[in-house]
Amino acid sequence: MSSCSGIKPHDDSNTSLGYLGREATQWRDTINKSYTRADKKDTTILFGGMTILQDKLVMSALQSLGENYVALPNPDFESFRKGKAFGNRGQCNPTYFTVGNLVKYLQNLQKETGMSSEEIVQKYLYVTAGGCGPCRFGMYITEYRKSLKDAGFEGFRIMSFQHNEGIFQAKNDEESMNFSPTFFMTLIKSVIIGDIINLLTYKMRPYEIEKGSTDEAVEKCYEILRDAFMQKKNLVLAMWQCRKVLEKVKLDRLQPKAKVMVMGEFWAAMTEGDGNYNLHKFLEAEGAECIPQPIMSRLMLSIWEAEYAAGKVEDLEDGEMKSIDFSNVKTKVMMKLAKAAVKTYFTLYAKSAGLHDYEIPNIEELSKLSKLYYPLDAEGGEGHLEVAHLLESVKHNLSHLVISVKPFGCMPSSAVSDGIQSLVTSHYPSANFLSIETSGEGAANFYSRVQMALFKAKQSAKEEFEALEIPEDIPDKVHNYLYQPKGEMAGSAAQLLISIQHRGL
């Protein structure tokens, strides 16, 4: 195989110009999948890319299966620079941050332990989700291999499971990882639990009386859940114990704060760090309450897409055919069972933790809401969800501001969804919508645009709150996170006032 000799080699000083004058040659992907069950005891499996809490929970959950999974640190700007240095030009932020984060981790590991590149390649591998689509997501794994080779870790193993192929991806081959149903069910449980704790965190943290108390409570919850996974204890009971910890956080919930729905490209909207300029923390510091998009929404979208595709196959079949496509019937049955399982686990864990007012995303209803604007056959990215979330927010008054954040030039989000959003906002002039891109640089401009949109949202929150009468006696229980009223107002403080008036608390 030819390798690209026109690439700058890794050098600790970062000043070597030895690559100048060399003839550039075409780089070709070389795939190394030499992982056997016999390697299990000596191999560390790296992964990452979700929220900080979920990465830690997934690590504990998968370690309970008997393999040494280790979550990478949260990607930062140094990760971005590593990704730019060793990756191809024209990639998007998620690629640069996640690829560079792995390179940074391995380089730091080499410095700290003194291991050679060959030892690291032999003792470590990285596992991630793969797939296809209309964007650069399908090229991620190739980007990992190219960047690792150029960083001095040629032959480093990148293993993947397909994000849209369900839980039955296990291989009987001794030369591959066994992505069994047990693996996926354990993974899904930890992700759902992480979603629930994250949703509660964003509901509580903006109103905490003692700064940092919510994060301290969440860290205690993580320790409880880690112990439950590792010792295979009852997870429902563990979530109940978390509830007791979170109840102790003192809140002042009668503060009018702008409620901001954060959505957009999956990774950019989910990550909690430099990948989106710490958007959630910035919004909270500016006096807002965030509505994050849980990973479960993307999971439910994948199930819906499989069901929708199966339905299209049925429509294409000849109506006079007597035979039944049992493979298609099996697919539809499996999708229904998957939805039922996810909803059951979520409900059990959410009720135990005290998350009562959150409804599992109904992707079918969201598709009906958006299909007048968004062609449902257009796959890739978040599909119809971005358009649906804006429509949902406006029609049901869920937030004062909707922010769609995405990497610069993200085709599904920027070119497709944003183009349609202009039509939506023309039909709903009251919608406060901001589409904003990240490029790894330009944080000042990013924050400036967010602040301008947030100013209007904060005014709306203040006006709806001040239009209500504040009772003389405020029951203490309204400040406990377990009291979760719903109302016609978007703001949490306004909803509390209305519930006090209506219920005579």
Protein backbone atom coordinates (compact mmCIF):
# COMPACT_ATOMS: atom_id res chain seq x y z
CA MET A 1 0.00 0.00 0.00
CA SER A 2 1.24 3.48 -0.76
CA SER A 3 1.33 6.00 2.06
CA CYS A 4 1.14 9.74 1.87
CA SER A 5 4.72 11.04 2.08
CA GLY A 6 3.56 14.63 1.76
CA ILE A 7 2.34 14.71 5.32
CA LYS A 8 4.11 16.39 8.20
CA PRO A 9 5.46 13.66 10.52
CA HIS A 10 4.82 13.79 14.25
CA ASP A 11 7.53 15.71 16.05
CA ASP A 12 7.53 16.75 19.71
CA SER A 13 8.91 20.16 18.90
CA ASN A 14 6.28 20.66 16.18
CA THR A 15 8.87 22.55 14.12
CA SER A 16 10.25 19.90 11.78
CA LEU A 17 10.16 20.85 8.09
CA GLY A 18 11.49 17.52 6.86
CA TYR A 19 8.34 16.87 4.88
CA LEU A 20 9.09 19.76 2.48
CA GLY A 21 10.25 18.77 -0.99
CA ARG A 22 8.86 15.25 -0.82
CA GLU A 23 6.68 13.97 -3.59
CA ALA A 24 3.06 13.63 -2.47
CA THR A 25 1.52 10.20 -2.98
CA GLN A 26 -1.99 8.90 -2.51
CA TRP A 27 -2.81 7.64 0.98
CA ARG A 28 -4.75 4.38 1.13
CA ASP A 29 -6.76 3.02 4.02
CA THR A 30 -5.34 -0.08 5.71
CA ILE A 31 -7.78 -1.89 7.99
CA ASN A 32 -6.53 -3.82 11.01
CA LYS A 33 -9.20 -5.93 12.78
CA SER A 34 -6.89 -8.40 14.49
CA TYR A 35 -8.74 -8.58 17.79
CA THR A 36 -9.48 -12.01 19.24
CA ARG A 37 -11.24 -13.13 22.39
CA ALA A 38 -7.81 -14.21 23.62
CA ASP A 39 -6.73 -10.53 23.52
CA LYS A 40 -9.53 -9.60 25.91
CA LYS A 41 -7.56 -9.66 29.17
CA ASP A 42 -4.68 -7.58 27.78
CA THR A 43 -6.63 -5.05 25.72
CA THR A 44 -7.99 -1.67 26.81
CA ILE A 45 -11.00 -0.59 24.77
CA LEU A 46 -11.29 3.18 24.39
CA PHE A 47 -14.48 5.03 23.49
CA GLY A 48 -16.10 8.45 23.94
CA GLY A 49 -18.21 11.15 22.36
CA MET A 50 -21.32 11.47 24.54
CA THR A 51 -22.01 13.78 27.47
CA ILE A 52 -19.48 13.71 30.31
CA LEU A 53 -21.81 11.81 32.65
CA GLN A 54 -22.90 9.31 30.02
CA ASP A 55 -19.34 8.48 29.03
CA LYS A 56 -18.59 7.63 32.66
CA LEU A 57 -21.79 5.63 33.12
CA VAL A 58 -21.23 3.69 29.90
CA MET A 59 -17.67 2.92 31.02
CA SER A 60 -18.92 1.42 34.29
CA ALA A 61 -21.76 -0.43 32.58
CA LEU A 62 -19.54 -2.04 29.96
CA GLN A 63 -16.79 -2.84 32.46
CA SER A 64 -19.43 -4.87 34.32
CA LEU A 65 -19.50 -7.17 31.27
CA GLY A 66 -15.90 -8.17 31.97
CA GLU A 67 -13.99 -6.03 29.47
CA ASN A 68 -11.74 -3.08 30.16
CA TYR A 69 -13.60 -0.13 28.62
CA VAL A 70 -12.11 3.32 29.29
CA ALA A 71 -13.81 6.61 28.42
CA LEU A 72 -11.67 9.28 26.83
CA PRO A 73 -11.54 12.73 28.48
CA ASN A 74 -13.93 15.39 27.22
CA PRO A 75 -12.59 16.83 23.92
CA ASP A 76 -11.09 20.32 24.16
CA PHE A 77 -9.44 22.84 21.84
CA GLU A 78 -6.16 20.92 22.00
CA SER A 79 -8.09 17.91 20.64
CA PHE A 80 -9.41 20.14 17.85
CA ARG A 81 -5.90 21.29 16.95
CA LYS A 82 -4.64 17.69 16.88
CA GLY A 83 -7.51 16.75 14.60
CA LYS A 84 -6.72 19.63 12.25
CA ALA A 85 -3.02 18.79 12.24
CA PHE A 86 -3.38 15.11 11.39
CA GLY A 87 -6.76 14.99 9.63
CA ASN A 88 -7.87 15.81 6.12
CA ARG A 89 -8.87 19.32 5.19
CA GLY A 90 -12.55 20.18 5.02
CA GLN A 91 -13.75 17.94 7.84
CA CYS A 92 -16.33 19.12 10.36
CA ASN A 93 -15.94 19.91 14.04
CA PRO A 94 -17.14 16.55 15.42
CA THR A 95 -14.51 14.81 13.28
CA TYR A 96 -11.67 17.08 14.33
CA PHE A 97 -12.61 17.05 18.02
CA THR A 98 -13.20 13.30 18.33
CA VAL A 99 -10.34 12.15 16.09
CA GLY A 100 -7.95 14.66 17.65
CA ASN A 101 -9.08 13.63 21.12
CA LEU A 102 -8.00 10.04 20.49
CA VAL A 103 -4.66 11.16 19.05
CA LYS A 104 -4.09 13.45 22.05
CA TYR A 105 -4.92 10.66 24.50
CA LEU A 106 -2.49 8.22 22.88
CA GLN A 107 0.30 10.79 22.67
CA ASN A 108 -0.15 11.70 26.34
CA LEU A 109 -0.26 8.00 27.23
CA GLN A 110 3.03 7.50 25.42
CA LYS A 111 4.68 10.40 27.28
CA GLU A 112 3.38 9.35 30.70
CA THR A 113 4.10 5.62 30.47
CA GLY A 114 7.05 5.48 28.11
CA MET A 115 5.32 2.81 26.01
CA SER A 116 6.34 2.58 22.40
CA SER A 117 3.86 3.15 19.59
CA GLU A 118 3.95 -0.58 18.84
CA GLU A 119 2.99 -1.44 22.44
CA ILE A 120 0.08 1.01 22.37
CA VAL A 121 -1.16 -0.38 19.06
CA GLN A 122 -1.01 -3.88 20.52
CA LYS A 123 -2.68 -3.11 23.86
CA TYR A 124 -5.34 -0.55 22.93
CA LEU A 125 -8.20 -0.23 20.47
CA TYR A 126 -11.00 2.26 19.90
CA VAL A 127 -14.68 1.41 19.39
CA THR A 128 -17.21 3.81 17.90
CA ALA A 129 -20.51 3.92 16.03
CA GLY A 130 -20.32 3.76 12.26
CA GLY A 131 -22.80 4.31 9.49
CA CYS A 132 -23.53 6.11 6.29
CA GLY A 133 -25.35 9.30 5.37
CA PRO A 134 -25.28 12.42 3.23
CA CYS A 135 -22.54 14.03 5.32
CA ARG A 136 -19.00 13.20 6.45
CA PHE A 137 -20.14 10.78 9.16
CA GLY A 138 -19.50 7.81 6.89
CA MET A 139 -15.83 8.84 6.64
CA TYR A 140 -15.14 9.11 10.38
CA ILE A 141 -13.50 5.71 10.76
CA THR A 142 -11.23 6.32 7.78
CA GLU A 143 -10.30 9.68 9.32
CA TYR A 144 -9.37 7.94 12.56
CA ARG A 145 -7.07 5.52 10.76
CA LYS A 146 -5.40 8.19 8.63
CA SER A 147 -4.79 10.55 11.55
CA LEU A 148 -3.49 7.77 13.80
CA LYS A 149 -1.09 6.58 11.12
CA ASP A 150 0.28 10.06 10.56
CA ALA A 151 0.57 10.58 14.32
CA GLY A 152 2.80 7.51 14.58
CA PHE A 153 0.27 4.82 15.55
CA GLU A 154 -0.01 2.90 12.30
CA GLY A 155 -2.16 -0.22 12.60
CA PHE A 156 -4.14 1.06 15.59
CA ARG A 157 -7.42 -0.87 15.67
CA ILE A 158 -10.71 0.97 15.12
CA MET A 159 -13.75 -1.24 15.70
CA SER A 160 -17.28 -0.12 14.93
CA PHE A 161 -20.90 -1.13 15.23
CA GLN A 162 -23.55 0.25 12.92
CA HIS A 163 -25.73 2.80 14.70
CA ASN A 164 -28.81 1.88 12.64
CA GLU A 165 -28.65 -1.93 12.55
CA GLY A 166 -30.16 -2.83 15.90
CA ILE A 167 -28.89 -4.99 18.74
CA PHE A 168 -28.23 -8.17 16.76
CA GLN A 169 -24.77 -7.41 15.40
CA ALA A 170 -22.87 -10.14 17.21
CA LYS A 171 -20.18 -11.98 15.26
CA ASN A 172 -19.28 -15.62 15.68
CA ASP A 173 -15.92 -14.81 14.20
CA GLU A 174 -13.14 -15.10 16.79
CA GLU A 175 -11.31 -12.28 14.99
CA SER A 176 -13.87 -9.60 15.81
CA MET A 177 -15.55 -7.92 18.75
CA ASN A 178 -18.79 -9.49 19.90
CA PHE A 179 -21.43 -6.75 19.83
CA SER A 180 -24.07 -8.97 21.41
CA PRO A 181 -27.62 -8.09 22.50
CA THR A 182 -26.31 -8.01 26.09
CA PHE A 183 -23.74 -5.41 25.05
CA PHE A 184 -26.37 -3.20 23.42
CA MET A 185 -28.96 -3.55 26.19
CA THR A 186 -26.36 -2.65 28.81
CA LEU A 187 -25.25 0.28 26.68
CA ILE A 188 -28.83 1.50 26.17
CA LYS A 189 -29.65 1.28 29.88
CA SER A 190 -26.63 3.38 30.82
CA VAL A 191 -27.41 5.95 28.11
CA ILE A 192 -31.06 6.23 29.23
CA ILE A 193 -30.04 6.68 32.86
CA GLY A 194 -27.53 9.32 31.79
CA ASP A 195 -30.25 11.13 29.84
CA ILE A 196 -32.53 11.19 32.89
CA ILE A 197 -29.86 12.54 35.24
CA ASN A 198 -28.80 15.12 32.64
CA LEU A 199 -32.41 16.31 32.16
CA LEU A 200 -32.79 16.74 35.91
CA THR A 201 -29.45 18.53 36.14
CA TYR A 202 -30.49 21.13 33.57
CA LYS A 203 -33.81 21.64 35.36
CA MET A 204 -32.12 22.20 38.72
CA ARG A 205 -28.76 23.88 38.18
CA PRO A 206 -30.04 27.32 37.03
CA TYR A 207 -32.03 27.66 40.26
CA GLU A 208 -29.57 26.31 42.83
CA ILE A 209 -29.03 28.54 45.87
CA GLU A 210 -25.52 27.30 46.55
CA LYS A 211 -23.45 27.35 43.36
CA GLY A 212 -22.07 23.93 42.49
CA SER A 213 -24.44 21.99 44.75
CA THR A 214 -26.26 20.37 41.82
CA ASP A 215 -23.04 19.13 40.23
CA GLU A 216 -21.90 17.76 43.61
CA ALA A 217 -25.18 15.86 43.96
CA VAL A 218 -24.88 14.50 40.42
CA GLU A 219 -21.37 13.26 41.19
CA LYS A 220 -22.77 11.36 44.20
CA CYS A 221 -25.44 9.92 41.92
CA TYR A 222 -22.76 8.76 39.52
CA GLU A 223 -20.98 6.92 42.35
CA ILE A 224 -24.25 5.20 43.31
CA LEU A 225 -24.95 4.19 39.71
CA ARG A 226 -21.37 3.09 39.05
CA ASP A 227 -21.57 0.79 42.06
CA ALA A 228 -24.94 -0.55 40.87
CA PHE A 229 -23.60 -1.38 37.41
CA MET A 230 -20.35 -2.91 38.61
CA GLN A 231 -22.01 -5.06 41.28
CA LYS A 232 -25.08 -5.79 39.11
CA LYS A 233 -27.48 -4.27 41.65
CA ASN A 234 -31.03 -3.16 40.95
CA LEU A 235 -30.86 -0.02 38.80
CA VAL A 236 -34.37 1.12 39.76
CA LEU A 237 -33.32 1.12 43.42
CA ALA A 238 -30.13 2.97 42.50
CA MET A 239 -32.18 5.69 40.77
CA TRP A 240 -34.35 5.94 43.89
CA GLN A 241 -31.21 6.50 45.94
CA CYS A 242 -30.21 9.23 43.48
CA ARG A 243 -33.59 10.83 44.06
CA LYS A 244 -32.82 11.09 47.79
CA VAL A 245 -29.51 12.79 46.99
CA LEU A 246 -31.00 15.29 44.53
CA GLU A 247 -33.83 16.18 46.94
CA LYS A 248 -31.28 17.75 49.28
CA VAL A 249 -30.23 20.41 46.74
CA LYS A 250 -31.73 23.77 47.79
CA LEU A 251 -33.38 25.66 44.93
CA ASP A 252 -35.03 29.03 44.37
CA ARG A 253 -37.31 28.24 41.45
CA LEU A 254 -39.29 31.50 41.38
CA GLN A 255 -36.68 33.22 39.23
CA PRO A 256 -37.89 34.19 35.75
CA LYS A 257 -35.35 32.65 33.40
CA ALA A 258 -35.45 32.29 29.64
CA LYS A 259 -36.04 28.70 28.64
CA VAL A 260 -33.83 27.73 25.69
CA MET A 261 -34.24 24.57 23.63
CA VAL A 262 -30.84 23.46 22.30
CA MET A 263 -31.02 21.19 19.27
CA GLY A 264 -29.26 20.71 15.94
CA GLU A 265 -26.59 18.32 14.71
CA PHE A 266 -26.36 15.45 17.16
CA TRP A 267 -22.80 15.88 18.47
CA ALA A 268 -22.70 19.68 18.39
CA ALA A 269 -25.95 19.95 20.33
CA MET A 270 -25.04 17.23 22.85
CA THR A 271 -21.39 17.81 23.72
CA GLU A 272 -20.57 19.74 26.90
CA GLY A 273 -17.29 21.43 26.14
CA ASP A 274 -15.21 23.32 23.63
CA GLY A 275 -16.92 21.51 20.75
CA ASN A 276 -19.85 23.93 21.01
CA TYR A 277 -18.04 26.65 22.99
CA ASN A 278 -19.59 25.32 26.22
CA LEU A 279 -22.96 26.51 24.99
CA HIS A 280 -25.04 25.08 27.84
CA LYS A 281 -22.84 26.58 30.54
CA PHE A 282 -22.77 29.90 28.70
CA LEU A 283 -26.57 30.02 28.51
CA GLU A 284 -26.90 29.22 32.21
CA ALA A 285 -24.34 31.89 33.11
CA GLU A 286 -26.39 34.38 31.08
CA GLY A 287 -29.55 33.58 33.05
CA ALA A 288 -31.20 30.84 31.01
CA GLU A 289 -32.55 27.35 31.61
CA CYS A 290 -31.59 24.83 28.91
CA ILE A 291 -33.74 22.12 27.41
CA PRO A 292 -31.16 19.64 26.09
CA GLN A 293 -31.84 17.00 23.47
CA PRO A 294 -31.28 13.58 25.05
CA ILE A 295 -29.49 10.84 23.17
CA MET A 296 -32.70 8.88 23.49
CA SER A 297 -34.26 11.19 20.88
CA ARG A 298 -31.69 10.04 18.34
CA LEU A 299 -32.26 6.43 19.34
CA MET A 300 -36.01 6.77 18.85
CA LEU A 301 -35.42 8.46 15.48
CA SER A 302 -33.31 5.50 14.33
CA ILE A 303 -36.13 3.13 15.29
CA TRP A 304 -38.69 5.31 13.49
CA GLU A 305 -36.50 5.43 10.37
CA ALA A 306 -36.31 1.62 10.32
CA GLU A 307 -40.09 1.39 10.66
CA TYR A 308 -40.61 4.01 7.96
CA ALA A 309 -38.27 2.16 5.58
CA ALA A 310 -40.11 -1.12 6.24
CA GLY A 311 -43.39 0.61 5.49
CA LYS A 312 -42.07 1.86 2.16
CA VAL A 313 -41.05 -1.69 1.22
CA GLU A 314 -44.60 -2.84 1.87
CA ASP A 315 -46.00 -0.06 -0.31
CA LEU A 316 -43.76 -1.13 -3.18
CA GLU A 317 -44.86 -4.76 -3.10
CA ASP A 318 -47.27 -5.97 -5.74
CA GLY A 319 -50.76 -5.96 -4.30
CA GLU A 320 -51.54 -9.23 -6.08
CA MET A 321 -48.62 -11.10 -4.56
CA LYS A 322 -49.76 -13.97 -2.37
CA SER A 323 -46.51 -14.50 -0.53
CA ILE A 324 -45.60 -12.58 2.59
CA ASP A 325 -42.20 -10.97 3.09
CA PHE A 326 -41.48 -12.45 6.51
CA SER A 327 -38.16 -10.62 6.80
CA ASN A 328 -40.01 -7.31 6.57
CA VAL A 329 -42.61 -8.48 9.10
CA LYS A 330 -39.81 -9.51 11.45
CA THR A 331 -38.18 -6.09 11.10
CA LYS A 332 -41.40 -4.30 12.00
CA VAL A 333 -42.00 -6.56 15.00
CA MET A 334 -38.44 -6.01 16.23
CA MET A 335 -38.83 -2.24 15.94
CA LYS A 336 -42.03 -2.30 17.98
CA LEU A 337 -40.35 -4.42 20.64
CA ALA A 338 -37.36 -2.05 20.68
CA LYS A 339 -39.62 0.96 21.21
CA ALA A 340 -41.51 -0.81 23.97
CA ALA A 341 -38.27 -1.80 25.71
CA VAL A 342 -36.81 1.71 25.56
CA LYS A 343 -40.03 3.27 26.85
CA THR A 344 -40.31 0.72 29.65
CA TYR A 345 -36.77 1.24 30.87
CA PHE A 346 -37.06 5.02 30.61
CA THR A 347 -40.33 5.11 32.54
CA LEU A 348 -39.03 2.86 35.32
CA TYR A 349 -35.81 4.82 35.78
CA ALA A 350 -37.40 8.27 35.35
CA LYS A 351 -40.17 7.66 37.88
CA SER A 352 -37.64 6.30 40.36
CA ALA A 353 -35.43 9.37 40.02
CA GLY A 354 -38.37 11.78 40.21
CA LEU A 355 -38.53 12.94 36.60
CA HIS A 356 -42.30 13.10 36.16
CA ASP A 357 -42.98 15.81 33.61
CA TYR A 358 -40.82 14.62 30.71
CA GLU A 359 -42.48 12.79 27.85
CA ILE A 360 -40.56 10.38 25.66
CA PRO A 361 -40.22 11.89 22.17
CA ASN A 362 -43.03 10.64 19.95
CA ILE A 363 -41.22 10.58 16.63
CA GLU A 364 -44.34 9.57 14.73
CA GLU A 365 -46.23 12.62 15.99
CA LEU A 366 -43.24 14.83 15.29
CA SER A 367 -43.10 13.48 11.74
CA LYS A 368 -46.77 14.38 11.23
CA LEU A 369 -46.06 17.85 12.58
CA SER A 370 -43.17 18.48 10.20
CA LYS A 371 -44.18 16.62 7.03
CA LEU A 372 -45.86 19.71 5.54
CA TYR A 373 -42.42 21.32 5.55
CA TYR A 374 -39.86 18.52 5.55
CA PRO A 375 -39.80 15.56 3.11
CA LEU A 376 -39.74 12.48 5.33
CA ASP A 377 -37.84 10.52 2.68
CA ALA A 378 -34.86 12.85 3.17
CA GLU A 379 -32.63 10.86 5.52
CA GLY A 380 -29.43 11.83 7.25
CA GLY A 381 -28.49 13.98 10.20
CA GLU A 382 -31.42 14.52 12.53
CA GLY A 383 -33.97 14.00 9.76
CA HIS A 384 -37.20 15.88 10.32
CA LEU A 385 -36.54 16.44 14.05
CA GLU A 386 -35.06 19.94 13.81
CA VAL A 387 -38.05 21.32 11.92
CA ALA A 388 -40.42 19.37 14.19
CA HIS A 389 -38.81 20.69 17.38
CA LEU A 390 -39.20 24.31 16.29
CA LEU A 391 -42.84 23.75 15.31
CA GLU A 392 -43.46 21.92 18.59
CA SER A 393 -41.89 24.71 20.61
CA VAL A 394 -43.97 27.41 18.90
CA LYS A 395 -47.30 25.57 18.90
CA HIS A 396 -47.05 24.30 22.47
CA ASN A 397 -45.07 27.25 23.92
CA LEU A 398 -42.25 25.06 25.20
CA SER A 399 -39.43 27.61 25.17
CA HIS A 400 -38.58 31.28 24.68
CA LEU A 401 -35.75 30.53 22.26
CA VAL A 402 -34.79 27.62 20.02
CA ILE A 403 -31.11 27.33 19.10
CA SER A 404 -29.98 24.99 16.34
CA VAL A 405 -26.22 24.46 16.67
CA LYS A 406 -24.21 22.60 14.08
CA PRO A 407 -20.68 22.34 12.64
CA PHE A 408 -19.75 24.77 9.90
CA GLY A 409 -21.12 23.53 6.59
CA CYS A 410 -23.12 20.63 8.06
CA MET A 411 -25.16 19.56 5.04
CA PRO A 412 -28.21 17.95 6.72
CA SER A 413 -28.56 20.69 9.34
CA SER A 414 -27.30 23.85 7.61
CA ALA A 415 -28.23 23.20 3.99
CA VAL A 416 -31.49 21.27 4.46
CA SER A 417 -33.09 21.95 7.86
CA ASP A 418 -32.10 25.61 8.06
CA GLY A 419 -33.40 26.26 4.57
CA ILE A 420 -36.77 24.89 5.63
CA GLN A 421 -36.73 26.74 8.96
CA SER A 422 -36.87 30.04 7.06
CA LEU A 423 -40.27 28.97 5.74
CA VAL A 424 -41.39 27.89 9.21
CA THR A 425 -40.41 31.22 10.78
CA SER A 426 -42.19 33.11 7.98
CA HIS A 427 -45.38 31.24 8.90
CA TYR A 428 -44.78 31.72 12.64
CA PRO A 429 -43.30 35.23 13.08
CA SER A 430 -43.39 34.86 16.87
CA ALA A 431 -40.78 32.10 16.73
CA ASN A 432 -37.49 33.11 18.31
CA PHE A 433 -35.08 30.89 16.37
CA LEU A 434 -31.31 31.06 16.05
CA SER A 435 -29.27 28.88 13.73
CA ILE A 436 -25.60 29.04 14.56
CA GLU A 437 -22.50 27.20 13.37
CA THR A 438 -19.29 26.26 15.12
CA SER A 439 -15.95 26.11 13.40
CA GLY A 440 -13.52 25.52 16.26
CA GLU A 441 -12.63 29.20 16.24
CA GLY A 442 -14.71 32.35 16.43
CA ALA A 443 -16.16 31.99 19.93
CA ALA A 444 -16.63 35.77 20.33
CA ASN A 445 -18.91 35.98 17.30
CA PHE A 446 -20.76 32.85 18.45
CA TYR A 447 -21.44 34.26 21.91
CA SER A 448 -22.46 37.63 20.51
CA ARG A 449 -25.14 36.10 18.31
CA VAL A 450 -26.43 33.92 21.15
CA GLN A 451 -26.63 36.93 23.48
CA MET A 452 -28.67 38.93 20.96
CA ALA A 453 -31.23 36.15 20.59
CA LEU A 454 -31.19 35.50 24.34
CA PHE A 455 -32.00 39.15 25.14
CA LYS A 456 -35.40 38.79 23.47
CA ALA A 457 -35.99 35.47 25.21
CA LYS A 458 -35.19 36.93 28.63
CA GLN A 459 -37.60 39.80 28.02
CA SER A 460 -40.35 37.31 27.16
CA ALA A 461 -39.67 35.29 30.32
CA LYS A 462 -39.75 38.41 32.47
CA GLU A 463 -42.98 39.71 30.93
CA GLU A 464 -44.90 36.44 31.36
CA PHE A 465 -43.74 36.19 34.99
CA GLU A 466 -44.58 39.78 35.92
CA ALA A 467 -48.05 39.42 34.37
CA LEU A 468 -48.91 36.94 37.13
CA GLU A 469 -49.76 37.67 40.74
CA ILE A 470 -47.26 36.38 43.28
CA PRO A 471 -49.05 34.83 46.30
CA GLU A 472 -48.09 35.98 49.77
CA ASP A 473 -47.46 32.44 50.98
CA ILE A 474 -45.23 30.26 48.79
CA PRO A 475 -45.25 26.59 49.84
CA ASP A 476 -41.76 25.19 50.36
CA LYS A 477 -42.48 22.20 48.16
CA VAL A 478 -42.59 24.30 44.97
CA HIS A 479 -38.82 24.78 45.32
CA ASN A 480 -38.20 21.03 45.39
CA TYR A 481 -37.35 19.58 41.98
CA LEU A 482 -39.92 16.81 42.53
CA TYR A 483 -42.71 19.36 42.12
CA GLN A 484 -42.91 19.62 38.33
CA PRO A 485 -46.01 21.47 37.12
CA LYS A 486 -47.03 21.95 33.52
CA GLY A 487 -48.69 25.04 32.17
CA GLU A 488 -49.42 27.23 29.20
CA MET A 489 -46.44 29.44 30.00
CA ALA A 490 -42.97 28.53 28.76
CA GLY A 491 -41.00 29.67 31.80
CA SER A 492 -40.59 27.35 34.79
CA ALA A 493 -41.19 30.16 37.31
CA ALA A 494 -44.41 31.23 35.56
CA GLN A 495 -45.60 27.61 35.49
CA LEU A 496 -45.04 27.38 39.25
CA LEU A 497 -47.07 30.53 39.93
CA ILE A 498 -49.96 29.30 37.81
CA SER A 499 -49.94 25.91 39.57
CA ILE A 500 -50.03 27.62 42.98
CA GLN A 501 -53.02 29.72 41.94
CA HIS A 502 -54.93 26.85 40.34
CA ARG A 503 -54.31 24.28 43.04
CA GLY A 504 -54.62 26.67 45.96
CA LEU A 505 -51.35 25.48 47.45
